[in-house]
Amino acid sequence: MRELASAVRALAAHCPRDPDALLTAEDVGALLGLSPRTLKDRAAAGVFPHRRFGKHYRFSREDVAEIVQLTKNAVRPYRGGMRAA
């Protein structure tokens, strides 16, 4: 929940004041710490909500909130070694 609140605050600070304004993959990537390419690839695969205008991907505030939830709930691969007992 803190991640979502933090992302929403960052989004509000960096976004135009128009609540209906759409963000680019670069804007969203900078806010969420994801590469624009990853955002576009996952949007194209239907994993992330988005709007598409020709070759251009755009994201609404609601899309960003859903992306935060999706990435928060994603299963992370195990990257650890041996644990100390």
Protein backbone atom coordinates (compact mmCIF):
# COMPACT_ATOMS: atom_id res chain seq x y z
CA MET A 1 0.00 0.00 0.00
CA ARG A 2 2.90 2.35 0.76
CA GLU A 3 4.31 1.73 -2.71
CA LEU A 4 0.98 2.67 -4.27
CA ALA A 5 0.71 5.83 -2.17
CA SER A 6 4.27 6.79 -3.01
CA ALA A 7 3.72 6.18 -6.73
CA VAL A 8 0.51 8.22 -6.71
CA ARG A 9 2.24 11.12 -4.93
CA ALA A 10 5.11 11.02 -7.42
CA LEU A 11 2.64 10.83 -10.28
CA ALA A 12 0.73 13.84 -8.99
CA ALA A 13 3.92 15.86 -8.61
CA HIS A 14 5.21 15.14 -12.13
CA CYS A 15 1.98 15.06 -14.11
CA PRO A 16 0.10 17.86 -15.76
CA ARG A 17 -2.76 19.08 -13.63
CA ASP A 18 -5.26 17.74 -16.16
CA PRO A 19 -6.67 14.58 -14.52
CA ASP A 20 -7.38 13.09 -17.94
CA ALA A 21 -3.85 13.62 -19.25
CA LEU A 22 -2.12 10.51 -20.51
CA LEU A 23 1.47 9.66 -19.64
CA THR A 24 4.16 8.24 -21.90
CA ALA A 25 6.00 4.99 -21.18
CA GLU A 26 9.02 7.11 -20.31
CA ASP A 27 7.02 9.10 -17.73
CA VAL A 28 5.57 5.98 -16.11
CA GLY A 29 8.90 4.15 -16.24
CA ALA A 30 10.62 6.98 -14.40
CA LEU A 31 7.92 6.98 -11.71
CA LEU A 32 7.84 3.22 -11.16
CA GLY A 33 11.44 2.27 -11.81
CA LEU A 34 10.61 0.20 -14.89
CA SER A 35 12.16 0.57 -18.29
CA PRO A 36 9.93 2.10 -20.98
CA ARG A 37 10.65 -0.96 -23.14
CA THR A 38 9.35 -3.28 -20.40
CA LEU A 39 6.19 -1.20 -20.07
CA LYS A 40 5.59 -1.25 -23.82
CA ASP A 41 6.32 -4.98 -24.11
CA ARG A 42 3.95 -5.87 -21.27
CA ALA A 43 1.29 -3.51 -22.61
CA ALA A 44 1.59 -5.08 -26.08
CA ALA A 45 1.24 -8.54 -24.49
CA GLY A 46 -1.95 -7.41 -22.74
CA VAL A 47 -0.44 -7.65 -19.25
CA PHE A 48 -0.53 -3.91 -18.49
CA PRO A 49 -3.51 -1.65 -19.18
CA HIS A 50 -2.81 1.13 -21.67
CA ARG A 51 -4.07 3.24 -24.56
CA ARG A 52 -2.46 2.99 -27.94
CA PHE A 53 -2.37 5.65 -30.64
CA GLY A 54 -0.63 4.16 -33.65
CA LYS A 55 2.83 3.21 -32.39
CA HIS A 56 2.52 5.30 -29.24
CA TYR A 57 1.65 3.82 -25.85
CA ARG A 58 -0.05 6.05 -23.28
CA PHE A 59 -1.12 5.37 -19.71
CA SER A 60 -3.85 6.98 -17.61
CA ARG A 61 -3.61 7.49 -13.86
CA GLU A 62 -5.89 4.50 -13.40
CA ASP A 63 -3.60 2.42 -15.63
CA VAL A 64 -0.61 3.41 -13.49
CA ALA A 65 -2.42 2.44 -10.27
CA GLU A 66 -3.28 -0.95 -11.79
CA ILE A 67 0.30 -1.45 -13.00
CA VAL A 68 1.55 -0.76 -9.47
CA GLN A 69 -0.82 -3.43 -8.13
CA LEU A 70 0.19 -5.91 -10.84
CA THR A 71 3.90 -5.45 -10.24
CA LYS A 72 3.43 -5.56 -6.48
CA ASN A 73 1.57 -8.87 -6.71
CA ALA A 74 3.96 -10.40 -9.26
CA VAL A 75 5.91 -13.40 -8.12
CA ARG A 76 9.57 -12.49 -7.88
CA PRO A 77 12.12 -15.16 -8.85
CA TYR A 78 14.29 -16.50 -6.06
CA ARG A 79 17.73 -14.87 -6.28
CA GLY A 80 19.26 -15.91 -2.98
CA GLY A 81 22.00 -18.29 -2.16
CA MET A 82 22.36 -20.47 0.86
CA ARG A 83 20.79 -19.11 4.01
CA ALA A 84 22.61 -19.18 7.31
CA ALA A 85 20.95 -21.52 9.76
